[in-house]
Amino acid sequence: MKLILNTVVKSTHHKKPILTDVYFNQNNTKKPIVIFCHGYKGYKDWGAWDLAVPKFVGQNLFFVKFNFSHNGGTVEKPIDFPDLKAFGENNFTIELNDLEDVINWICTNESFKNEIDAENIVLIGHSRGGGIVSIKASENCKISKVITWSSVSDFGARFPTGEILENWREDGISYVQNSRTKQQMPHYFQFYTNFKENENRLTIKNAVSKLTIPHLIVHGTNDDVVLLNEAKNLHKWNPKSMLLIIDEMDHTLGCTQPWKNVNMPNYLKQVVAKTIEFILK
């Protein structure tokens, strides 16, 4: 397995780096490209994500995972959140642009041209990343399949309303505590205004309803972060999608950070197996 780790992909929209990992068997065979997008307060090296990689590569898939440019990590410290200012400046449009930049970088990179099928790109997104890949799949004709793990179904519904929203507007900033690192993580009010300015594009229902490609939705019954009903909404909006409900699985597919076991948790193992089966069929 060839590994190209922590490569900086340059954005065409801003100056922050997009830290990217690439994994593949170097065998001059054109492979489906599989791109994994992390979720809110996440990153490419979170939990047991790394342990899933060999399973994809073992099926001769060209696997890519990356950090969204404004996820709060840096090139020097990609784990956790040393750059809280960037975190506060993040929004859904930036994440969609980052994903587009990663797609374009892979497809135009001369060193990959004999290893990739640039017309066969599979997107996988976890949690908030599921919303991002759903929208991107509706916009980019190179996307051949889209898969969501524990995905949100409505970005707008996750914003505050009433007095809390007005206080955020007045202060220009709000904070959410990271329960693990105990950091007070900022959101500048531009996060909300960017959503409202692009609401039609950023409404996941609009994107999912237009999908004509194969679409797999994976969710657990014990997800108390993003409730199972959100997966059912996605399936309702795209009745041709495949809904896989895993009994007792939580939001993180059994993973924790840090993950110290040499094996994937059983739920992630199940999800990866079903995901690969869906990609290959």
C-alpha atoms as a PDB file:
ATOM      1  CA  MET A   1       0.000   0.000   0.000  1.00  0.00           C
ATOM      2  CA  LYS A   2       1.374   3.380  -1.018  1.00  0.00           C
ATOM      3  CA  LEU A   3       0.814   6.144   1.534  1.00  0.00           C
ATOM      4  CA  ILE A   4       1.063   9.869   0.898  1.00  0.00           C
ATOM      5  CA  LEU A   5       0.348  11.440   4.270  1.00  0.00           C
ATOM      6  CA  ASN A   6      -0.265  15.042   5.364  1.00  0.00           C
ATOM      7  CA  THR A   7       0.030  16.474   1.860  1.00  0.00           C
ATOM      8  CA  VAL A   8      -0.997  20.114   1.630  1.00  0.00           C
ATOM      9  CA  VAL A   9      -3.630  20.738  -1.028  1.00  0.00           C
ATOM     10  CA  LYS A  10      -3.836  24.425  -1.911  1.00  0.00           C
ATOM     11  CA  SER A  11      -7.265  25.959  -1.926  1.00  0.00           C
ATOM     12  CA  THR A  12      -8.438  27.995  -4.900  1.00  0.00           C
ATOM     13  CA  HIS A  13     -10.701  29.985  -2.572  1.00  0.00           C
ATOM     14  CA  HIS A  14      -8.542  30.972   0.421  1.00  0.00           C
ATOM     15  CA  LYS A  15      -4.990  30.705   1.764  1.00  0.00           C
ATOM     16  CA  LYS A  16      -5.407  27.990   4.381  1.00  0.00           C
ATOM     17  CA  PRO A  17      -4.018  24.507   3.624  1.00  0.00           C
ATOM     18  CA  ILE A  18      -6.174  21.404   3.210  1.00  0.00           C
ATOM     19  CA  LEU A  19      -4.204  18.598   4.844  1.00  0.00           C
ATOM     20  CA  THR A  20      -4.777  15.374   2.897  1.00  0.00           C
ATOM     21  CA  ASP A  21      -3.875  11.665   3.107  1.00  0.00           C
ATOM     22  CA  VAL A  22      -3.869   9.370   0.055  1.00  0.00           C
ATOM     23  CA  TYR A  23      -3.691   5.552   0.114  1.00  0.00           C
ATOM     24  CA  PHE A  24      -3.644   3.131  -2.830  1.00  0.00           C
ATOM     25  CA  ASN A  25      -2.059   0.052  -4.346  1.00  0.00           C
ATOM     26  CA  GLN A  26       0.400   1.294  -6.959  1.00  0.00           C
ATOM     27  CA  ASN A  27      -0.398  -1.144  -9.768  1.00  0.00           C
ATOM     28  CA  ASN A  28      -1.240   0.999 -12.827  1.00  0.00           C
ATOM     29  CA  THR A  29      -4.901   0.010 -12.555  1.00  0.00           C
ATOM     30  CA  LYS A  30      -7.574   2.700 -12.660  1.00  0.00           C
ATOM     31  CA  LYS A  31      -9.470   2.556  -9.380  1.00  0.00           C
ATOM     32  CA  PRO A  32     -12.630   4.157  -8.001  1.00  0.00           C
ATOM     33  CA  ILE A  33     -11.725   7.152  -5.857  1.00  0.00           C
ATOM     34  CA  VAL A  34     -13.182   7.107  -2.336  1.00  0.00           C
ATOM     35  CA  ILE A  35     -13.066  10.402  -0.421  1.00  0.00           C
ATOM     36  CA  PHE A  36     -13.920  10.511   3.296  1.00  0.00           C
ATOM     37  CA  CYS A  37     -15.155  13.738   4.925  1.00  0.00           C
ATOM     38  CA  HIS A  38     -15.060  14.126   8.705  1.00  0.00           C
ATOM     39  CA  GLY A  39     -17.740  15.807  10.765  1.00  0.00           C
ATOM     40  CA  TYR A  40     -18.143  18.693  13.200  1.00  0.00           C
ATOM     41  CA  LYS A  41     -15.269  18.976  15.687  1.00  0.00           C
ATOM     42  CA  GLY A  42     -13.634  16.154  13.748  1.00  0.00           C
ATOM     43  CA  TYR A  43     -10.494  15.541  11.705  1.00  0.00           C
ATOM     44  CA  LYS A  44      -9.073  12.908   9.394  1.00  0.00           C
ATOM     45  CA  ASP A  45      -7.089  11.141  12.132  1.00  0.00           C
ATOM     46  CA  TRP A  46      -9.897  10.996  14.697  1.00  0.00           C
ATOM     47  CA  GLY A  47     -10.673   7.760  16.513  1.00  0.00           C
ATOM     48  CA  ALA A  48     -10.303   4.575  14.481  1.00  0.00           C
ATOM     49  CA  TRP A  49     -10.673   6.110  11.001  1.00  0.00           C
ATOM     50  CA  ASP A  50      -7.086   5.099  10.146  1.00  0.00           C
ATOM     51  CA  LEU A  51      -7.859   1.447  10.873  1.00  0.00           C
ATOM     52  CA  ALA A  52     -10.601   1.463   8.234  1.00  0.00           C
ATOM     53  CA  VAL A  53      -8.223   2.522   5.460  1.00  0.00           C
ATOM     54  CA  PRO A  54      -6.567  -0.872   4.721  1.00  0.00           C
ATOM     55  CA  LYS A  55     -10.002  -2.422   4.194  1.00  0.00           C
ATOM     56  CA  PHE A  56     -10.710  -0.005   1.335  1.00  0.00           C
ATOM     57  CA  VAL A  57      -7.249  -0.251  -0.182  1.00  0.00           C
ATOM     58  CA  GLY A  58      -7.403  -4.037   0.073  1.00  0.00           C
ATOM     59  CA  GLN A  59     -10.321  -3.912  -2.374  1.00  0.00           C
ATOM     60  CA  ASN A  60      -8.211  -1.866  -4.809  1.00  0.00           C
ATOM     61  CA  LEU A  61      -9.909   1.422  -4.008  1.00  0.00           C
ATOM     62  CA  PHE A  62      -8.053   4.744  -4.112  1.00  0.00           C
ATOM     63  CA  PHE A  63      -8.769   6.141  -0.638  1.00  0.00           C
ATOM     64  CA  VAL A  64      -8.482   9.781   0.416  1.00  0.00           C
ATOM     65  CA  LYS A  65      -9.221  11.524   3.704  1.00  0.00           C
ATOM     66  CA  PHE A  66      -8.544  15.136   4.591  1.00  0.00           C
ATOM     67  CA  ASN A  67      -8.989  17.893   7.135  1.00  0.00           C
ATOM     68  CA  PHE A  68     -11.332  20.679   6.195  1.00  0.00           C
ATOM     69  CA  SER A  69      -9.179  23.797   6.016  1.00  0.00           C
ATOM     70  CA  HIS A  70     -10.988  25.597   8.837  1.00  0.00           C
ATOM     71  CA  ASN A  71     -11.566  22.620  11.144  1.00  0.00           C
ATOM     72  CA  GLY A  72      -9.223  24.134  13.750  1.00  0.00           C
ATOM     73  CA  GLY A  73      -6.155  22.020  13.041  1.00  0.00           C
ATOM     74  CA  THR A  74      -2.880  23.157  11.514  1.00  0.00           C
ATOM     75  CA  VAL A  75      -0.216  21.511   9.347  1.00  0.00           C
ATOM     76  CA  GLU A  76       2.060  21.214  12.371  1.00  0.00           C
ATOM     77  CA  LYS A  77      -0.697  20.097  14.749  1.00  0.00           C
ATOM     78  CA  PRO A  78      -3.477  18.390  12.787  1.00  0.00           C
ATOM     79  CA  ILE A  79      -4.874  16.641  15.873  1.00  0.00           C
ATOM     80  CA  ASP A  80      -7.361  18.606  17.974  1.00  0.00           C
ATOM     81  CA  PHE A  81      -7.802  22.350  17.618  1.00  0.00           C
ATOM     82  CA  PRO A  82      -4.816  24.692  18.014  1.00  0.00           C
ATOM     83  CA  ASP A  83      -6.344  27.242  15.586  1.00  0.00           C
ATOM     84  CA  LEU A  84      -9.652  28.211  17.142  1.00  0.00           C
ATOM     85  CA  LYS A  85      -9.806  31.407  15.084  1.00  0.00           C
ATOM     86  CA  ALA A  86     -10.002  29.319  11.907  1.00  0.00           C
ATOM     87  CA  PHE A  87     -12.641  27.110  13.534  1.00  0.00           C
ATOM     88  CA  GLY A  88     -14.728  30.195  14.225  1.00  0.00           C
ATOM     89  CA  GLU A  89     -14.381  31.361  10.622  1.00  0.00           C
ATOM     90  CA  ASN A  90     -15.573  28.061   9.173  1.00  0.00           C
ATOM     91  CA  ASN A  91     -18.870  27.639   7.331  1.00  0.00           C
ATOM     92  CA  PHE A  92     -20.591  25.148   5.037  1.00  0.00           C
ATOM     93  CA  THR A  93     -19.580  26.970   1.856  1.00  0.00           C
ATOM     94  CA  ILE A  94     -15.905  26.732   2.810  1.00  0.00           C
ATOM     95  CA  GLU A  95     -16.271  22.987   3.395  1.00  0.00           C
ATOM     96  CA  LEU A  96     -17.960  22.475   0.009  1.00  0.00           C
ATOM     97  CA  ASN A  97     -15.160  24.453  -1.640  1.00  0.00           C
ATOM     98  CA  ASP A  98     -12.516  22.410   0.182  1.00  0.00           C
ATOM     99  CA  LEU A  99     -14.074  19.168  -1.029  1.00  0.00           C
ATOM    100  CA  GLU A 100     -14.175  20.478  -4.590  1.00  0.00           C
ATOM    101  CA  ASP A 101     -10.508  21.464  -4.333  1.00  0.00           C
ATOM    102  CA  VAL A 102      -9.560  17.976  -3.104  1.00  0.00           C
ATOM    103  CA  ILE A 103     -11.512  16.371  -5.961  1.00  0.00           C
ATOM    104  CA  ASN A 104      -9.824  18.592  -8.534  1.00  0.00           C
ATOM    105  CA  TRP A 105      -6.382  18.005  -7.037  1.00  0.00           C
ATOM    106  CA  ILE A 106      -6.761  14.236  -7.229  1.00  0.00           C
ATOM    107  CA  CYS A 107      -8.173  14.276 -10.753  1.00  0.00           C
ATOM    108  CA  THR A 108      -5.482  16.575 -12.188  1.00  0.00           C
ATOM    109  CA  ASN A 109      -2.466  15.166 -10.332  1.00  0.00           C
ATOM    110  CA  GLU A 110      -0.149  13.618 -12.938  1.00  0.00           C
ATOM    111  CA  SER A 111       1.278  11.130 -10.443  1.00  0.00           C
ATOM    112  CA  PHE A 112      -2.198   9.610  -9.964  1.00  0.00           C
ATOM    113  CA  LYS A 113      -3.367   9.474 -13.589  1.00  0.00           C
ATOM    114  CA  ASN A 114      -2.662   5.733 -14.063  1.00  0.00           C
ATOM    115  CA  GLU A 115      -4.161   4.847 -10.672  1.00  0.00           C
ATOM    116  CA  ILE A 116      -7.557   6.585 -10.675  1.00  0.00           C
ATOM    117  CA  ASP A 117     -10.850   6.476 -12.498  1.00  0.00           C
ATOM    118  CA  ALA A 118     -11.622  10.189 -12.432  1.00  0.00           C
ATOM    119  CA  GLU A 119     -15.217   9.583 -13.546  1.00  0.00           C
ATOM    120  CA  ASN A 120     -15.890   7.230 -10.637  1.00  0.00           C
ATOM    121  CA  ILE A 121     -15.699   9.163  -7.373  1.00  0.00           C
ATOM    122  CA  VAL A 122     -17.408   7.913  -4.220  1.00  0.00           C
ATOM    123  CA  LEU A 123     -18.017  10.324  -1.338  1.00  0.00           C
ATOM    124  CA  ILE A 124     -18.363   9.202   2.280  1.00  0.00           C
ATOM    125  CA  GLY A 125     -19.318  11.695   4.985  1.00  0.00           C
ATOM    126  CA  HIS A 126     -19.700  11.272   8.725  1.00  0.00           C
ATOM    127  CA  SER A 127     -22.166  13.419  10.691  1.00  0.00           C
ATOM    128  CA  ARG A 128     -21.967  17.004   9.375  1.00  0.00           C
ATOM    129  CA  GLY A 129     -19.696  15.651   6.648  1.00  0.00           C
ATOM    130  CA  GLY A 130     -22.671  13.592   5.504  1.00  0.00           C
ATOM    131  CA  GLY A 131     -24.544  16.774   4.717  1.00  0.00           C
ATOM    132  CA  ILE A 132     -21.556  18.171   2.847  1.00  0.00           C
ATOM    133  CA  VAL A 133     -21.141  15.064   0.649  1.00  0.00           C
ATOM    134  CA  SER A 134     -24.879  14.942  -0.049  1.00  0.00           C
ATOM    135  CA  ILE A 135     -24.820  18.489  -1.400  1.00  0.00           C
ATOM    136  CA  LYS A 136     -21.596  17.955  -3.356  1.00  0.00           C
ATOM    137  CA  ALA A 137     -22.959  14.744  -4.903  1.00  0.00           C
ATOM    138  CA  SER A 138     -25.884  16.739  -6.283  1.00  0.00           C
ATOM    139  CA  GLU A 139     -23.538  19.341  -7.793  1.00  0.00           C
ATOM    140  CA  ASN A 140     -20.602  17.413  -9.253  1.00  0.00           C
ATOM    141  CA  CYS A 141     -21.270  15.024 -12.142  1.00  0.00           C
ATOM    142  CA  LYS A 142     -18.070  13.071 -11.399  1.00  0.00           C
ATOM    143  CA  ILE A 143     -19.608  11.693  -8.214  1.00  0.00           C
ATOM    144  CA  SER A 144     -20.774   8.135  -8.895  1.00  0.00           C
ATOM    145  CA  LYS A 145     -21.996   7.127  -5.416  1.00  0.00           C
ATOM    146  CA  VAL A 146     -22.578   8.857  -2.085  1.00  0.00           C
ATOM    147  CA  ILE A 147     -22.573   7.283   1.388  1.00  0.00           C
ATOM    148  CA  THR A 148     -23.422   8.892   4.707  1.00  0.00           C
ATOM    149  CA  TRP A 149     -22.571   7.657   8.182  1.00  0.00           C
ATOM    150  CA  SER A 150     -24.670   9.116  11.051  1.00  0.00           C
ATOM    151  CA  SER A 151     -25.507  12.095   8.863  1.00  0.00           C
ATOM    152  CA  VAL A 152     -27.446  15.241   9.656  1.00  0.00           C
ATOM    153  CA  SER A 153     -30.393  15.985   7.377  1.00  0.00           C
ATOM    154  CA  ASP A 154     -30.945  19.701   7.998  1.00  0.00           C
ATOM    155  CA  PHE A 155     -28.207  22.268   8.610  1.00  0.00           C
ATOM    156  CA  GLY A 156     -30.685  25.066   9.254  1.00  0.00           C
ATOM    157  CA  ALA A 157     -32.466  23.213  12.056  1.00  0.00           C
ATOM    158  CA  ARG A 158     -29.231  23.065  14.030  1.00  0.00           C
ATOM    159  CA  PHE A 159     -28.968  26.844  14.408  1.00  0.00           C
ATOM    160  CA  PRO A 160     -30.433  28.533  17.499  1.00  0.00           C
ATOM    161  CA  THR A 161     -33.549  30.673  17.329  1.00  0.00           C
ATOM    162  CA  GLY A 162     -35.131  33.452  19.340  1.00  0.00           C
ATOM    163  CA  GLU A 163     -33.164  35.141  22.116  1.00  0.00           C
ATOM    164  CA  ILE A 164     -30.121  32.896  21.720  1.00  0.00           C
ATOM    165  CA  LEU A 165     -29.872  33.787  18.027  1.00  0.00           C
ATOM    166  CA  GLU A 166     -30.301  37.493  18.769  1.00  0.00           C
ATOM    167  CA  ASN A 167     -27.590  37.391  21.453  1.00  0.00           C
ATOM    168  CA  TRP A 168     -25.275  35.698  18.945  1.00  0.00           C
ATOM    169  CA  ARG A 169     -26.076  38.376  16.381  1.00  0.00           C
ATOM    170  CA  GLU A 170     -25.405  41.141  18.896  1.00  0.00           C
ATOM    171  CA  ASP A 171     -22.189  39.648  20.299  1.00  0.00           C
ATOM    172  CA  GLY A 172     -20.875  38.486  16.912  1.00  0.00           C
ATOM    173  CA  ILE A 173     -19.576  35.282  18.485  1.00  0.00           C
ATOM    174  CA  SER A 174     -20.834  32.286  20.435  1.00  0.00           C
ATOM    175  CA  TYR A 175     -19.004  29.382  22.041  1.00  0.00           C
ATOM    176  CA  VAL A 176     -19.504  25.647  22.363  1.00  0.00           C
ATOM    177  CA  GLN A 177     -17.457  23.576  24.783  1.00  0.00           C
ATOM    178  CA  ASN A 178     -15.540  20.599  23.471  1.00  0.00           C
ATOM    179  CA  SER A 179     -16.403  17.969  26.059  1.00  0.00           C
ATOM    180  CA  ARG A 180     -13.142  16.094  25.521  1.00  0.00           C
ATOM    181  CA  THR A 181     -10.555  18.886  25.239  1.00  0.00           C
ATOM    182  CA  LYS A 182     -12.550  21.385  27.367  1.00  0.00           C
ATOM    183  CA  GLN A 183     -11.824  24.120  24.816  1.00  0.00           C
ATOM    184  CA  GLN A 184     -14.345  26.901  24.302  1.00  0.00           C
ATOM    185  CA  MET A 185     -14.768  26.664  20.541  1.00  0.00           C
ATOM    186  CA  PRO A 186     -15.998  29.832  18.801  1.00  0.00           C
ATOM    187  CA  HIS A 187     -18.536  30.359  16.062  1.00  0.00           C
ATOM    188  CA  TYR A 188     -18.537  33.815  14.494  1.00  0.00           C
ATOM    189  CA  PHE A 189     -21.934  35.059  13.390  1.00  0.00           C
ATOM    190  CA  GLN A 190     -20.846  34.783   9.762  1.00  0.00           C
ATOM    191  CA  PHE A 191     -21.519  31.037  10.107  1.00  0.00           C
ATOM    192  CA  TYR A 192     -25.239  31.832  10.313  1.00  0.00           C
ATOM    193  CA  THR A 193     -25.288  34.628   7.748  1.00  0.00           C
ATOM    194  CA  ASN A 194     -23.380  32.483   5.241  1.00  0.00           C
ATOM    195  CA  PHE A 195     -26.024  29.794   5.634  1.00  0.00           C
ATOM    196  CA  LYS A 196     -28.905  32.234   5.147  1.00  0.00           C
ATOM    197  CA  GLU A 197     -27.248  33.786   2.089  1.00  0.00           C
ATOM    198  CA  ASN A 198     -26.850  30.316   0.524  1.00  0.00           C
ATOM    199  CA  GLU A 199     -29.856  28.595   2.075  1.00  0.00           C
ATOM    200  CA  ASN A 200     -31.244  27.043  -1.090  1.00  0.00           C
ATOM    201  CA  ARG A 201     -27.903  25.416  -1.899  1.00  0.00           C
ATOM    202  CA  LEU A 202     -27.260  24.408   1.709  1.00  0.00           C
ATOM    203  CA  THR A 203     -30.654  22.786   2.287  1.00  0.00           C
ATOM    204  CA  ILE A 204     -29.798  19.081   2.301  1.00  0.00           C
ATOM    205  CA  LYS A 205     -33.348  18.090   1.356  1.00  0.00           C
ATOM    206  CA  ASN A 206     -32.993  19.967  -1.936  1.00  0.00           C
ATOM    207  CA  ALA A 207     -29.765  18.141  -2.755  1.00  0.00           C
ATOM    208  CA  VAL A 208     -30.883  14.653  -1.734  1.00  0.00           C
ATOM    209  CA  SER A 209     -34.169  14.956  -3.615  1.00  0.00           C
ATOM    210  CA  LYS A 210     -32.217  15.508  -6.845  1.00  0.00           C
ATOM    211  CA  LEU A 211     -29.838  12.564  -6.487  1.00  0.00           C
ATOM    212  CA  THR A 212     -29.956   9.958  -9.240  1.00  0.00           C
ATOM    213  CA  ILE A 213     -26.779   8.066  -8.271  1.00  0.00           C
ATOM    214  CA  PRO A 214     -26.598   5.160  -5.780  1.00  0.00           C
ATOM    215  CA  HIS A 215     -27.027   6.505  -2.249  1.00  0.00           C
ATOM    216  CA  LEU A 216     -26.370   4.595   0.989  1.00  0.00           C
ATOM    217  CA  ILE A 217     -27.541   5.961   4.349  1.00  0.00           C
ATOM    218  CA  VAL A 218     -26.087   4.308   7.486  1.00  0.00           C
ATOM    219  CA  HIS A 219     -27.332   5.176  10.964  1.00  0.00           C
ATOM    220  CA  GLY A 220     -27.443   3.659  14.443  1.00  0.00           C
ATOM    221  CA  THR A 221     -30.450   3.285  16.720  1.00  0.00           C
ATOM    222  CA  ASN A 222     -28.464   4.604  19.716  1.00  0.00           C
ATOM    223  CA  ASP A 223     -27.285   7.813  18.051  1.00  0.00           C
ATOM    224  CA  ASP A 224     -28.169  10.559  20.535  1.00  0.00           C
ATOM    225  CA  VAL A 225     -26.242  13.271  18.669  1.00  0.00           C
ATOM    226  CA  VAL A 226     -28.006  12.976  15.313  1.00  0.00           C
ATOM    227  CA  LEU A 227     -31.260  11.110  15.815  1.00  0.00           C
ATOM    228  CA  LEU A 228     -32.294   8.174  13.635  1.00  0.00           C
ATOM    229  CA  ASN A 229     -35.210  10.208  12.292  1.00  0.00           C
ATOM    230  CA  GLU A 230     -32.725  12.284  10.285  1.00  0.00           C
ATOM    231  CA  ALA A 231     -31.619   9.179   8.375  1.00  0.00           C
ATOM    232  CA  LYS A 232     -35.272   8.345   7.749  1.00  0.00           C
ATOM    233  CA  ASN A 233     -35.768  11.871   6.380  1.00  0.00           C
ATOM    234  CA  LEU A 234     -32.881  11.417   3.939  1.00  0.00           C
ATOM    235  CA  HIS A 235     -34.352   8.115   2.797  1.00  0.00           C
ATOM    236  CA  LYS A 236     -37.820   9.650   2.410  1.00  0.00           C
ATOM    237  CA  TRP A 237     -36.422  12.472   0.256  1.00  0.00           C
ATOM    238  CA  ASN A 238     -34.604   9.949  -1.937  1.00  0.00           C
ATOM    239  CA  PRO A 239     -36.736   6.776  -1.919  1.00  0.00           C
ATOM    240  CA  LYS A 240     -34.255   5.065  -4.254  1.00  0.00           C
ATOM    241  CA  SER A 241     -31.587   5.289  -1.557  1.00  0.00           C
ATOM    242  CA  MET A 242     -30.597   2.326   0.616  1.00  0.00           C
ATOM    243  CA  LEU A 243     -31.163   2.808   4.356  1.00  0.00           C
ATOM    244  CA  LEU A 244     -29.074   0.635   6.670  1.00  0.00           C
ATOM    245  CA  ILE A 245     -30.038   0.884  10.348  1.00  0.00           C
ATOM    246  CA  ILE A 246     -27.600  -0.739  12.773  1.00  0.00           C
ATOM    247  CA  ASP A 247     -29.070  -1.779  16.087  1.00  0.00           C
ATOM    248  CA  GLU A 248     -27.502  -0.108  19.164  1.00  0.00           C
ATOM    249  CA  MET A 249     -24.804   1.727  17.171  1.00  0.00           C
ATOM    250  CA  ASP A 250     -23.969   5.196  18.505  1.00  0.00           C
ATOM    251  CA  HIS A 251     -23.048   8.378  16.655  1.00  0.00           C
ATOM    252  CA  THR A 252     -19.328   7.631  16.350  1.00  0.00           C
ATOM    253  CA  LEU A 253     -19.761   4.016  15.155  1.00  0.00           C
ATOM    254  CA  GLY A 254     -18.279   2.733  18.394  1.00  0.00           C
ATOM    255  CA  CYS A 255     -15.132   4.864  18.108  1.00  0.00           C
ATOM    256  CA  THR A 256     -13.623   7.133  20.750  1.00  0.00           C
ATOM    257  CA  GLN A 257     -10.711   9.555  20.650  1.00  0.00           C
ATOM    258  CA  PRO A 258      -8.039   8.484  21.180  1.00  0.00           C
ATOM    259  CA  TRP A 259      -8.619   4.927  19.952  1.00  0.00           C
ATOM    260  CA  LYS A 260      -5.944   2.676  21.444  1.00  0.00           C
ATOM    261  CA  ASN A 261      -7.123  -0.732  20.276  1.00  0.00           C
ATOM    262  CA  VAL A 262      -5.341  -2.292  17.277  1.00  0.00           C
ATOM    263  CA  ASN A 263      -8.705  -3.354  15.847  1.00  0.00           C
ATOM    264  CA  MET A 264     -11.682  -1.351  14.679  1.00  0.00           C
ATOM    265  CA  PRO A 265     -14.723  -1.317  16.979  1.00  0.00           C
ATOM    266  CA  ASN A 266     -17.351  -3.809  15.849  1.00  0.00           C
ATOM    267  CA  TYR A 267     -19.806  -1.171  14.643  1.00  0.00           C
ATOM    268  CA  LEU A 268     -17.237   0.563  12.462  1.00  0.00           C
ATOM    269  CA  LYS A 269     -16.167  -2.833  11.144  1.00  0.00           C
ATOM    270  CA  GLN A 270     -19.773  -3.543  10.123  1.00  0.00           C
ATOM    271  CA  VAL A 271     -20.201  -0.147   8.520  1.00  0.00           C
ATOM    272  CA  VAL A 272     -16.951  -0.391   6.555  1.00  0.00           C
ATOM    273  CA  ALA A 273     -17.853  -3.859   5.270  1.00  0.00           C
ATOM    274  CA  LYS A 274     -21.310  -2.731   4.129  1.00  0.00           C
ATOM    275  CA  THR A 275     -19.850   0.447   2.614  1.00  0.00           C
ATOM    276  CA  ILE A 276     -17.278  -1.460   0.562  1.00  0.00           C
ATOM    277  CA  GLU A 277     -19.922  -3.938  -0.554  1.00  0.00           C
ATOM    278  CA  PHE A 278     -22.078  -1.011  -1.733  1.00  0.00           C
ATOM    279  CA  ILE A 279     -19.163   0.617  -3.585  1.00  0.00           C
ATOM    280  CA  LEU A 280     -18.189  -2.545  -5.417  1.00  0.00           C
ATOM    281  CA  LYS A 281     -21.594  -3.769  -6.526  1.00  0.00           C
END
